Amino acid sequence: VAGFIGFHVAIKLLERGDTVVGVDNLNDYYDVGLKQSRLDI
């Protein structure tokens, strides 16, 4: 859910009223700060 596509999918599902459980291990393959920024949004 903190990834590129997962972030956008979660937003779309929330917008239409679904309950979303987001799962991510927040690994450091790339900038964890970007992943956290997506979660903040």
PDB file of all heavy atoms in Angstrom:
ATOM      1  N   VAL A   1       0.807  -1.221   0.000  1.00  0.00           N
ATOM      2  CA  VAL A   1       0.000   0.000   0.000  1.00  0.00           C
ATOM      3  C   VAL A   1       0.837   1.266   0.000  1.00  0.00           C
ATOM      4  O   VAL A   1       0.373   2.335  -0.430  1.00  0.00           O
ATOM      5  CB  VAL A   1      -0.990  -0.002   1.187  1.00  0.00           C
ATOM      6  CG1 VAL A   1      -0.246   0.255   2.509  1.00  0.00           C
ATOM      7  CG2 VAL A   1      -2.118   0.992   0.979  1.00  0.00           C
ATOM      8  N   ALA A   2       2.079   1.175   0.468  1.00  0.00           N
ATOM      9  CA  ALA A   2       2.959   2.352   0.450  1.00  0.00           C
ATOM     10  C   ALA A   2       3.718   2.472  -0.864  1.00  0.00           C
ATOM     11  O   ALA A   2       4.499   3.400  -1.051  1.00  0.00           O
ATOM     12  CB  ALA A   2       3.945   2.309   1.623  1.00  0.00           C
ATOM     13  N   GLY A   3       3.481   1.530  -1.763  1.00  0.00           N
ATOM     14  CA  GLY A   3       4.119   1.567  -3.070  1.00  0.00           C
ATOM     15  C   GLY A   3       3.351   2.434  -4.043  1.00  0.00           C
ATOM     16  O   GLY A   3       2.261   2.940  -3.750  1.00  0.00           O
ATOM     17  N   PHE A   4       3.904   2.592  -5.225  1.00  0.00           N
ATOM     18  CA  PHE A   4       3.356   3.468  -6.253  1.00  0.00           C
ATOM     19  C   PHE A   4       1.909   3.120  -6.612  1.00  0.00           C
ATOM     20  O   PHE A   4       0.983   3.926  -6.450  1.00  0.00           O
ATOM     21  CB  PHE A   4       4.274   3.392  -7.483  1.00  0.00           C
ATOM     22  CG  PHE A   4       3.827   4.150  -8.701  1.00  0.00           C
ATOM     23  CD1 PHE A   4       3.058   5.299  -8.603  1.00  0.00           C
ATOM     24  CD2 PHE A   4       4.197   3.700  -9.967  1.00  0.00           C
ATOM     25  CE1 PHE A   4       2.669   5.998  -9.737  1.00  0.00           C
ATOM     26  CE2 PHE A   4       3.818   4.388 -11.105  1.00  0.00           C
ATOM     27  CZ  PHE A   4       3.038   5.536 -10.991  1.00  0.00           C
ATOM     28  N   ILE A   5       1.685   1.898  -7.062  1.00  0.00           N
ATOM     29  CA  ILE A   5       0.346   1.513  -7.500  1.00  0.00           C
ATOM     30  C   ILE A   5      -0.577   1.279  -6.301  1.00  0.00           C
ATOM     31  O   ILE A   5      -1.740   1.691  -6.307  1.00  0.00           O
ATOM     32  CB  ILE A   5       0.397   0.268  -8.406  1.00  0.00           C
ATOM     33  CG1 ILE A   5       1.263   0.548  -9.641  1.00  0.00           C
ATOM     34  CG2 ILE A   5      -1.000  -0.150  -8.831  1.00  0.00           C
ATOM     35  CD1 ILE A   5       1.491  -0.662 -10.538  1.00  0.00           C
ATOM     36  N   GLY A   6      -0.055   0.642  -5.260  1.00  0.00           N
ATOM     37  CA  GLY A   6      -0.868   0.352  -4.085  1.00  0.00           C
ATOM     38  C   GLY A   6      -1.449   1.601  -3.447  1.00  0.00           C
ATOM     39  O   GLY A   6      -2.617   1.625  -3.022  1.00  0.00           O
ATOM     40  N   PHE A   7      -0.661   2.657  -3.377  1.00  0.00           N
ATOM     41  CA  PHE A   7      -1.110   3.937  -2.834  1.00  0.00           C
ATOM     42  C   PHE A   7      -2.313   4.474  -3.612  1.00  0.00           C
ATOM     43  O   PHE A   7      -3.342   4.846  -3.033  1.00  0.00           O
ATOM     44  CB  PHE A   7       0.063   4.925  -2.882  1.00  0.00           C
ATOM     45  CG  PHE A   7      -0.311   6.379  -2.884  1.00  0.00           C
ATOM     46  CD1 PHE A   7      -0.806   6.989  -1.742  1.00  0.00           C
ATOM     47  CD2 PHE A   7      -0.152   7.143  -4.030  1.00  0.00           C
ATOM     48  CE1 PHE A   7      -1.141   8.339  -1.746  1.00  0.00           C
ATOM     49  CE2 PHE A   7      -0.481   8.490  -4.046  1.00  0.00           C
ATOM     50  CZ  PHE A   7      -0.983   9.090  -2.896  1.00  0.00           C
ATOM     51  N   HIS A   8      -2.199   4.481  -4.928  1.00  0.00           N
ATOM     52  CA  HIS A   8      -3.279   5.000  -5.767  1.00  0.00           C
ATOM     53  C   HIS A   8      -4.532   4.115  -5.698  1.00  0.00           C
ATOM     54  O   HIS A   8      -5.661   4.628  -5.710  1.00  0.00           O
ATOM     55  CB  HIS A   8      -2.809   5.131  -7.210  1.00  0.00           C
ATOM     56  CG  HIS A   8      -1.886   6.293  -7.447  1.00  0.00           C
ATOM     57  ND1 HIS A   8      -2.336   7.578  -7.604  1.00  0.00           N
ATOM     58  CD2 HIS A   8      -0.530   6.360  -7.560  1.00  0.00           C
ATOM     59  CE1 HIS A   8      -1.314   8.387  -7.812  1.00  0.00           C
ATOM     60  NE2 HIS A   8      -0.202   7.670  -7.791  1.00  0.00           N
ATOM     61  N   VAL A   9      -4.340   2.797  -5.634  1.00  0.00           N
ATOM     62  CA  VAL A   9      -5.488   1.890  -5.532  1.00  0.00           C
ATOM     63  C   VAL A   9      -6.221   2.119  -4.204  1.00  0.00           C
ATOM     64  O   VAL A   9      -7.462   2.160  -4.161  1.00  0.00           O
ATOM     65  CB  VAL A   9      -5.041   0.424  -5.667  1.00  0.00           C
ATOM     66  CG1 VAL A   9      -6.166  -0.528  -5.258  1.00  0.00           C
ATOM     67  CG2 VAL A   9      -4.603   0.131  -7.096  1.00  0.00           C
ATOM     68  N   ALA A  10      -5.464   2.274  -3.117  1.00  0.00           N
ATOM     69  CA  ALA A  10      -6.084   2.504  -1.809  1.00  0.00           C
ATOM     70  C   ALA A  10      -6.928   3.776  -1.823  1.00  0.00           C
ATOM     71  O   ALA A  10      -8.057   3.797  -1.299  1.00  0.00           O
ATOM     72  CB  ALA A  10      -5.012   2.590  -0.727  1.00  0.00           C
ATOM     73  N   ILE A  11      -6.416   4.848  -2.420  1.00  0.00           N
ATOM     74  CA  ILE A  11      -7.154   6.110  -2.519  1.00  0.00           C
ATOM     75  C   ILE A  11      -8.466   5.900  -3.289  1.00  0.00           C
ATOM     76  O   ILE A  11      -9.539   6.362  -2.880  1.00  0.00           O
ATOM     77  CB  ILE A  11      -6.303   7.185  -3.210  1.00  0.00           C
ATOM     78  CG1 ILE A  11      -5.104   7.588  -2.332  1.00  0.00           C
ATOM     79  CG2 ILE A  11      -7.145   8.405  -3.577  1.00  0.00           C
ATOM     80  CD1 ILE A  11      -5.448   8.424  -1.132  1.00  0.00           C
ATOM     81  N   LYS A  12      -8.375   5.194  -4.403  1.00  0.00           N
ATOM     82  CA  LYS A  12      -9.560   4.950  -5.236  1.00  0.00           C
ATOM     83  C   LYS A  12     -10.624   4.168  -4.459  1.00  0.00           C
ATOM     84  O   LYS A  12     -11.825   4.486  -4.524  1.00  0.00           O
ATOM     85  CB  LYS A  12      -9.148   4.179  -6.491  1.00  0.00           C
ATOM     86  CG  LYS A  12     -10.276   3.828  -7.449  1.00  0.00           C
ATOM     87  CD  LYS A  12     -10.690   5.015  -8.273  1.00  0.00           C
ATOM     88  CE  LYS A  12     -11.628   4.590  -9.397  1.00  0.00           C
ATOM     89  NZ  LYS A  12     -12.041   5.735 -10.243  1.00  0.00           N
ATOM     90  N   LEU A  13     -10.202   3.155  -3.727  1.00  0.00           N
ATOM     91  CA  LEU A  13     -11.149   2.344  -2.967  1.00  0.00           C
ATOM     92  C   LEU A  13     -11.781   3.144  -1.827  1.00  0.00           C
ATOM     93  O   LEU A  13     -12.979   3.020  -1.557  1.00  0.00           O
ATOM     94  CB  LEU A  13     -10.454   1.097  -2.419  1.00  0.00           C
ATOM     95  CG  LEU A  13      -9.993   0.077  -3.469  1.00  0.00           C
ATOM     96  CD1 LEU A  13      -9.177  -1.040  -2.815  1.00  0.00           C
ATOM     97  CD2 LEU A  13     -11.178  -0.516  -4.234  1.00  0.00           C
ATOM     98  N   LEU A  14     -10.978   3.976  -1.177  1.00  0.00           N
ATOM     99  CA  LEU A  14     -11.527   4.825  -0.107  1.00  0.00           C
ATOM    100  C   LEU A  14     -12.540   5.814  -0.666  1.00  0.00           C
ATOM    101  O   LEU A  14     -13.576   6.072  -0.048  1.00  0.00           O
ATOM    102  CB  LEU A  14     -10.392   5.582   0.601  1.00  0.00           C
ATOM    103  CG  LEU A  14      -9.482   4.759   1.509  1.00  0.00           C
ATOM    104  CD1 LEU A  14      -8.323   5.624   2.003  1.00  0.00           C
ATOM    105  CD2 LEU A  14     -10.254   4.183   2.692  1.00  0.00           C
ATOM    106  N   GLU A  15     -12.234   6.366  -1.835  1.00  0.00           N
ATOM    107  CA  GLU A  15     -13.132   7.354  -2.437  1.00  0.00           C
ATOM    108  C   GLU A  15     -14.517   6.785  -2.710  1.00  0.00           C
ATOM    109  O   GLU A  15     -15.515   7.502  -2.640  1.00  0.00           O
ATOM    110  CB  GLU A  15     -12.522   7.894  -3.742  1.00  0.00           C
ATOM    111  CG  GLU A  15     -11.383   8.870  -3.517  1.00  0.00           C
ATOM    112  CD  GLU A  15     -10.715   9.304  -4.806  1.00  0.00           C
ATOM    113  OE1 GLU A  15     -11.011   8.701  -5.873  1.00  0.00           O
ATOM    114  OE2 GLU A  15      -9.893  10.237  -4.754  1.00  0.00           O
ATOM    115  N   ARG A  16     -14.582   5.490  -2.999  1.00  0.00           N
ATOM    116  CA  ARG A  16     -15.897   4.912  -3.291  1.00  0.00           C
ATOM    117  C   ARG A  16     -16.538   4.270  -2.062  1.00  0.00           C
ATOM    118  O   ARG A  16     -17.600   3.659  -2.164  1.00  0.00           O
ATOM    119  CB  ARG A  16     -15.789   3.908  -4.426  1.00  0.00           C
ATOM    120  CG  ARG A  16     -15.073   2.620  -4.083  1.00  0.00           C
ATOM    121  CD  ARG A  16     -15.079   1.689  -5.268  1.00  0.00           C
ATOM    122  NE  ARG A  16     -14.839   0.308  -4.878  1.00  0.00           N
ATOM    123  CZ  ARG A  16     -15.027  -0.728  -5.678  1.00  0.00           C
ATOM    124  NH1 ARG A  16     -15.447  -0.530  -6.916  1.00  0.00           N
ATOM    125  NH2 ARG A  16     -14.799  -1.959  -5.265  1.00  0.00           N
ATOM    126  N   GLY A  17     -15.872   4.375  -0.915  1.00  0.00           N
ATOM    127  CA  GLY A  17     -16.501   3.954   0.328  1.00  0.00           C
ATOM    128  C   GLY A  17     -16.090   2.610   0.881  1.00  0.00           C
ATOM    129  O   GLY A  17     -16.673   2.152   1.874  1.00  0.00           O
ATOM    130  N   ASP A  18     -15.105   1.954   0.264  1.00  0.00           N
ATOM    131  CA  ASP A  18     -14.642   0.676   0.806  1.00  0.00           C
ATOM    132  C   ASP A  18     -13.812   0.883   2.068  1.00  0.00           C
ATOM    133  O   ASP A  18     -13.255   1.965   2.304  1.00  0.00           O
ATOM    134  CB  ASP A  18     -13.782  -0.064  -0.230  1.00  0.00           C
ATOM    135  CG  ASP A  18     -14.598  -0.588  -1.395  1.00  0.00           C
ATOM    136  OD1 ASP A  18     -15.775  -0.913  -1.194  1.00  0.00           O
ATOM    137  OD2 ASP A  18     -14.054  -0.665  -2.515  1.00  0.00           O
ATOM    138  N   THR A  19     -13.710  -0.144   2.861  1.00  0.00           N
ATOM    139  CA  THR A  19     -12.778  -0.182   3.993  1.00  0.00           C
ATOM    140  C   THR A  19     -11.491  -0.824   3.502  1.00  0.00           C
ATOM    141  O   THR A  19     -11.526  -1.905   2.895  1.00  0.00           O
ATOM    142  CB  THR A  19     -13.363  -1.002   5.163  1.00  0.00           C
ATOM    143  OG1 THR A  19     -14.530  -0.345   5.644  1.00  0.00           O
ATOM    144  CG2 THR A  19     -12.355  -1.141   6.291  1.00  0.00           C
ATOM    145  N   VAL A  20     -10.372  -0.148   3.740  1.00  0.00           N
ATOM    146  CA  VAL A  20      -9.094  -0.610   3.199  1.00  0.00           C
ATOM    147  C   VAL A  20      -8.127  -0.918   4.334  1.00  0.00           C
ATOM    148  O   VAL A  20      -7.888  -0.078   5.214  1.00  0.00           O
ATOM    149  CB  VAL A  20      -8.465   0.446   2.260  1.00  0.00           C
ATOM    150  CG1 VAL A  20      -7.093  -0.019   1.763  1.00  0.00           C
ATOM    151  CG2 VAL A  20      -9.393   0.735   1.083  1.00  0.00           C
ATOM    152  N   VAL A  21      -7.584  -2.121   4.315  1.00  0.00           N
ATOM    153  CA  VAL A  21      -6.499  -2.502   5.209  1.00  0.00           C
ATOM    154  C   VAL A  21      -5.228  -2.511   4.367  1.00  0.00           C
ATOM    155  O   VAL A  21      -5.070  -3.349   3.479  1.00  0.00           O
ATOM    156  CB  VAL A  21      -6.738  -3.890   5.839  1.00  0.00           C
ATOM    157  CG1 VAL A  21      -5.561  -4.265   6.746  1.00  0.00           C
ATOM    158  CG2 VAL A  21      -8.041  -3.911   6.608  1.00  0.00           C
ATOM    159  N   GLY A  22      -4.358  -1.554   4.611  1.00  0.00           N
ATOM    160  CA  GLY A  22      -3.121  -1.451   3.852  1.00  0.00           C
ATOM    161  C   GLY A  22      -1.991  -2.177   4.542  1.00  0.00           C
ATOM    162  O   GLY A  22      -1.789  -2.018   5.752  1.00  0.00           O
ATOM    163  N   VAL A  23      -1.262  -2.982   3.776  1.00  0.00           N
ATOM    164  CA  VAL A  23      -0.156  -3.776   4.318  1.00  0.00           C
ATOM    165  C   VAL A  23       1.107  -3.452   3.550  1.00  0.00           C
ATOM    166  O   VAL A  23       1.093  -3.376   2.310  1.00  0.00           O
ATOM    167  CB  VAL A  23      -0.465  -5.286   4.208  1.00  0.00           C
ATOM    168  CG1 VAL A  23       0.706  -6.109   4.743  1.00  0.00           C
ATOM    169  CG2 VAL A  23      -1.752  -5.628   4.941  1.00  0.00           C
ATOM    170  N   ASP A  24       2.210  -3.242   4.266  1.00  0.00           N
ATOM    171  CA  ASP A  24       3.483  -2.962   3.611  1.00  0.00           C
ATOM    172  C   ASP A  24       4.601  -3.219   4.614  1.00  0.00           C
ATOM    173  O   ASP A  24       4.418  -2.989   5.813  1.00  0.00           O
ATOM    174  CB  ASP A  24       3.546  -1.498   3.144  1.00  0.00           C
ATOM    175  CG  ASP A  24       4.518  -1.280   1.982  1.00  0.00           C
ATOM    176  OD1 ASP A  24       5.730  -1.440   2.190  1.00  0.00           O
ATOM    177  OD2 ASP A  24       4.051  -0.948   0.874  1.00  0.00           O
ATOM    178  N   ASN A  25       5.754  -3.679   4.125  1.00  0.00           N
ATOM    179  CA  ASN A  25       6.879  -3.875   5.049  1.00  0.00           C
ATOM    180  C   ASN A  25       7.813  -2.672   5.088  1.00  0.00           C
ATOM    181  O   ASN A  25       8.785  -2.643   5.854  1.00  0.00           O
ATOM    182  CB  ASN A  25       7.663  -5.152   4.719  1.00  0.00           C
ATOM    183  CG  ASN A  25       8.381  -5.086   3.376  1.00  0.00           C
ATOM    184  OD1 ASN A  25       8.286  -4.099   2.638  1.00  0.00           O
ATOM    185  ND2 ASN A  25       9.103  -6.148   3.036  1.00  0.00           N
ATOM    186  N   LEU A  26       7.536  -1.658   4.248  1.00  0.00           N
ATOM    187  CA  LEU A  26       8.320  -0.415   4.217  1.00  0.00           C
ATOM    188  C   LEU A  26       9.817  -0.699   4.096  1.00  0.00           C
ATOM    189  O   LEU A  26      10.640  -0.098   4.803  1.00  0.00           O
ATOM    190  CB  LEU A  26       8.035   0.432   5.465  1.00  0.00           C
ATOM    191  CG  LEU A  26       6.591   0.938   5.609  1.00  0.00           C
ATOM    192  CD1 LEU A  26       6.418   1.693   6.925  1.00  0.00           C
ATOM    193  CD2 LEU A  26       6.202   1.827   4.441  1.00  0.00           C
ATOM    194  N   ASN A  27      10.177  -1.608   3.181  1.00  0.00           N
ATOM    195  CA  ASN A  27      11.604  -1.907   3.023  1.00  0.00           C
ATOM    196  C   ASN A  27      12.324  -0.740   2.367  1.00  0.00           C
ATOM    197  O   ASN A  27      11.710   0.197   1.847  1.00  0.00           O
ATOM    198  CB  ASN A  27      11.821  -3.218   2.266  1.00  0.00           C
ATOM    199  CG  ASN A  27      11.430  -3.125   0.794  1.00  0.00           C
ATOM    200  OD1 ASN A  27      11.586  -2.092   0.151  1.00  0.00           O
ATOM    201  ND2 ASN A  27      10.915  -4.213   0.249  1.00  0.00           N
ATOM    202  N   ASP A  28      13.646  -0.785   2.408  1.00  0.00           N
ATOM    203  CA  ASP A  28      14.447   0.349   1.945  1.00  0.00           C
ATOM    204  C   ASP A  28      15.026   0.133   0.546  1.00  0.00           C
ATOM    205  O   ASP A  28      16.072   0.688   0.214  1.00  0.00           O
ATOM    206  CB  ASP A  28      15.568   0.652   2.944  1.00  0.00           C
ATOM    207  CG  ASP A  28      16.548  -0.513   3.117  1.00  0.00           C
ATOM    208  OD1 ASP A  28      16.335  -1.580   2.479  1.00  0.00           O
ATOM    209  OD2 ASP A  28      17.502  -0.371   3.898  1.00  0.00           O
ATOM    210  N   TYR A  29      14.334  -0.652  -0.299  1.00  0.00           N
ATOM    211  CA  TYR A  29      14.775  -0.803  -1.687  1.00  0.00           C
ATOM    212  C   TYR A  29      14.878   0.562  -2.358  1.00  0.00           C
ATOM    213  O   TYR A  29      15.760   0.806  -3.161  1.00  0.00           O
ATOM    214  CB  TYR A  29      13.802  -1.720  -2.440  1.00  0.00           C
ATOM    215  CG  TYR A  29      13.991  -1.731  -3.940  1.00  0.00           C
ATOM    216  CD1 TYR A  29      15.157  -2.234  -4.506  1.00  0.00           C
ATOM    217  CD2 TYR A  29      13.009  -1.230  -4.790  1.00  0.00           C
ATOM    218  CE1 TYR A  29      15.332  -2.237  -5.891  1.00  0.00           C
ATOM    219  CE2 TYR A  29      13.171  -1.236  -6.167  1.00  0.00           C
ATOM    220  CZ  TYR A  29      14.339  -1.737  -6.708  1.00  0.00           C
ATOM    221  OH  TYR A  29      14.522  -1.736  -8.072  1.00  0.00           O
ATOM    222  N   TYR A  30      13.927   1.446  -2.047  1.00  0.00           N
ATOM    223  CA  TYR A  30      14.073   2.850  -2.425  1.00  0.00           C
ATOM    224  C   TYR A  30      13.598   3.706  -1.256  1.00  0.00           C
ATOM    225  O   TYR A  30      13.141   3.186  -0.233  1.00  0.00           O
ATOM    226  CB  TYR A  30      13.346   3.178  -3.743  1.00  0.00           C
ATOM    227  CG  TYR A  30      11.839   3.043  -3.732  1.00  0.00           C
ATOM    228  CD1 TYR A  30      11.012   4.041  -3.221  1.00  0.00           C
ATOM    229  CD2 TYR A  30      11.215   1.912  -4.269  1.00  0.00           C
ATOM    230  CE1 TYR A  30       9.632   3.935  -3.227  1.00  0.00           C
ATOM    231  CE2 TYR A  30       9.828   1.801  -4.292  1.00  0.00           C
ATOM    232  CZ  TYR A  30       9.049   2.816  -3.765  1.00  0.00           C
ATOM    233  OH  TYR A  30       7.687   2.706  -3.777  1.00  0.00           O
ATOM    234  N   ASP A  31      13.698   4.998  -1.388  1.00  0.00           N
ATOM    235  CA  ASP A  31      13.453   5.985  -0.341  1.00  0.00           C
ATOM    236  C   ASP A  31      12.201   5.690   0.495  1.00  0.00           C
ATOM    237  O   ASP A  31      11.072   5.805   0.013  1.00  0.00           O
ATOM    238  CB  ASP A  31      13.340   7.365  -0.992  1.00  0.00           C
ATOM    239  CG  ASP A  31      13.073   8.476   0.012  1.00  0.00           C
ATOM    240  OD1 ASP A  31      13.378   8.287   1.203  1.00  0.00           O
ATOM    241  OD2 ASP A  31      12.570   9.536  -0.409  1.00  0.00           O
ATOM    242  N   VAL A  32      12.423   5.342   1.753  1.00  0.00           N
ATOM    243  CA  VAL A  32      11.300   5.071   2.651  1.00  0.00           C
ATOM    244  C   VAL A  32      10.509   6.353   2.922  1.00  0.00           C
ATOM    245  O   VAL A  32       9.307   6.310   3.179  1.00  0.00           O
ATOM    246  CB  VAL A  32      11.794   4.448   3.974  1.00  0.00           C
ATOM    247  CG1 VAL A  32      10.635   4.211   4.945  1.00  0.00           C
ATOM    248  CG2 VAL A  32      12.510   3.124   3.705  1.00  0.00           C
ATOM    249  N   GLY A  33      11.190   7.497   2.814  1.00  0.00           N
ATOM    250  CA  GLY A  33      10.504   8.775   3.013  1.00  0.00           C
ATOM    251  C   GLY A  33       9.389   8.990   2.001  1.00  0.00           C
ATOM    252  O   GLY A  33       8.325   9.530   2.341  1.00  0.00           O
ATOM    253  N   LEU A  34       9.607   8.554   0.751  1.00  0.00           N
ATOM    254  CA  LEU A  34       8.569   8.660  -0.273  1.00  0.00           C
ATOM    255  C   LEU A  34       7.394   7.754   0.079  1.00  0.00           C
ATOM    256  O   LEU A  34       6.224   8.136  -0.067  1.00  0.00           O
ATOM    257  CB  LEU A  34       9.142   8.290  -1.641  1.00  0.00           C
ATOM    258  CG  LEU A  34       8.155   8.245  -2.815  1.00  0.00           C
ATOM    259  CD1 LEU A  34       7.467   9.591  -3.009  1.00  0.00           C
ATOM    260  CD2 LEU A  34       8.869   7.807  -4.101  1.00  0.00           C
ATOM    261  N   LYS A  35       7.688   6.561   0.553  1.00  0.00           N
ATOM    262  CA  LYS A  35       6.622   5.637   0.958  1.00  0.00           C
ATOM    263  C   LYS A  35       5.807   6.234   2.110  1.00  0.00           C
ATOM    264  O   LYS A  35       4.569   6.154   2.123  1.00  0.00           O
ATOM    265  CB  LYS A  35       7.212   4.292   1.371  1.00  0.00           C
ATOM    266  CG  LYS A  35       7.941   3.568   0.241  1.00  0.00           C
ATOM    267  CD  LYS A  35       8.513   2.235   0.708  1.00  0.00           C
ATOM    268  CE  LYS A  35       9.234   1.525  -0.426  1.00  0.00           C
ATOM    269  NZ  LYS A  35       9.762   0.204  -0.038  1.00  0.00           N
ATOM    270  N   GLN A  36       6.511   6.832   3.068  1.00  0.00           N
ATOM    271  CA  GLN A  36       5.811   7.436   4.205  1.00  0.00           C
ATOM    272  C   GLN A  36       4.971   8.624   3.761  1.00  0.00           C
ATOM    273  O   GLN A  36       3.854   8.838   4.266  1.00  0.00           O
ATOM    274  CB  GLN A  36       6.822   7.872   5.269  1.00  0.00           C
ATOM    275  CG  GLN A  36       6.184   8.327   6.567  1.00  0.00           C
ATOM    276  CD  GLN A  36       5.311   7.262   7.211  1.00  0.00           C
ATOM    277  OE1 GLN A  36       5.765   6.156   7.488  1.00  0.00           O
ATOM    278  NE2 GLN A  36       4.031   7.577   7.433  1.00  0.00           N
ATOM    279  N   SER A  37       5.472   9.378   2.783  1.00  0.00           N
ATOM    280  CA  SER A  37       4.702  10.518   2.261  1.00  0.00           C
ATOM    281  C   SER A  37       3.399  10.040   1.624  1.00  0.00           C
ATOM    282  O   SER A  37       2.355  10.685   1.761  1.00  0.00           O
ATOM    283  CB  SER A  37       5.526  11.291   1.230  1.00  0.00           C
ATOM    284  OG  SER A  37       6.629  11.932   1.839  1.00  0.00           O
ATOM    285  N   ARG A  38       3.453   8.908   0.922  1.00  0.00           N
ATOM    286  CA  ARG A  38       2.229   8.360   0.340  1.00  0.00           C
ATOM    287  C   ARG A  38       1.234   7.982   1.446  1.00  0.00           C
ATOM    288  O   ARG A  38       0.036   8.273   1.349  1.00  0.00           O
ATOM    289  CB  ARG A  38       2.555   7.131  -0.511  1.00  0.00           C
ATOM    290  CG  ARG A  38       3.403   7.416  -1.753  1.00  0.00           C
ATOM    291  CD  ARG A  38       3.706   6.116  -2.462  1.00  0.00           C
ATOM    292  NE  ARG A  38       4.576   6.259  -3.622  1.00  0.00           N
ATOM    293  CZ  ARG A  38       5.603   5.463  -3.890  1.00  0.00           C
ATOM    294  NH1 ARG A  38       5.894   4.452  -3.066  1.00  0.00           N
ATOM    295  NH2 ARG A  38       6.334   5.654  -4.976  1.00  0.00           N
ATOM    296  N   LEU A  39       1.743   7.332   2.504  1.00  0.00           N
ATOM    297  CA  LEU A  39       0.875   6.955   3.617  1.00  0.00           C
ATOM    298  C   LEU A  39       0.287   8.193   4.293  1.00  0.00           C
ATOM    299  O   LEU A  39      -0.878   8.178   4.728  1.00  0.00           O
ATOM    300  CB  LEU A  39       1.640   6.116   4.634  1.00  0.00           C
ATOM    301  CG  LEU A  39       2.052   4.710   4.180  1.00  0.00           C
ATOM    302  CD1 LEU A  39       2.891   4.026   5.262  1.00  0.00           C
ATOM    303  CD2 LEU A  39       0.828   3.857   3.852  1.00  0.00           C
ATOM    304  N   ASP A  40       1.068   9.264   4.366  1.00  0.00           N
ATOM    305  CA  ASP A  40       0.576  10.511   4.971  1.00  0.00           C
ATOM    306  C   ASP A  40      -0.582  11.079   4.150  1.00  0.00           C
ATOM    307  O   ASP A  40      -1.544  11.622   4.711  1.00  0.00           O
ATOM    308  CB  ASP A  40       1.706  11.539   5.064  1.00  0.00           C
ATOM    309  CG  ASP A  40       2.770  11.151   6.082  1.00  0.00           C
ATOM    310  OD1 ASP A  40       2.499  10.276   6.932  1.00  0.00           O
ATOM    311  OD2 ASP A  40       3.878  11.725   6.016  1.00  0.00           O
ATOM    312  N   ILE A  41      -0.495  10.979   2.824  1.00  0.00           N
ATOM    313  CA  ILE A  41      -1.577  11.457   1.963  1.00  0.00           C
ATOM    314  C   ILE A  41      -2.855  10.653   2.219  1.00  0.00           C
ATOM    315  O   ILE A  41      -3.957  11.207   2.321  1.00  0.00           O
ATOM    316  CB  ILE A  41      -1.180  11.356   0.475  1.00  0.00           C
ATOM    317  CG1 ILE A  41      -0.026  12.302   0.154  1.00  0.00           C
ATOM    318  CG2 ILE A  41      -2.378  11.633  -0.431  1.00  0.00           C
ATOM    319  CD1 ILE A  41      -0.372  13.766   0.272  1.00  0.00           C
TER     320      ILE A  41
END
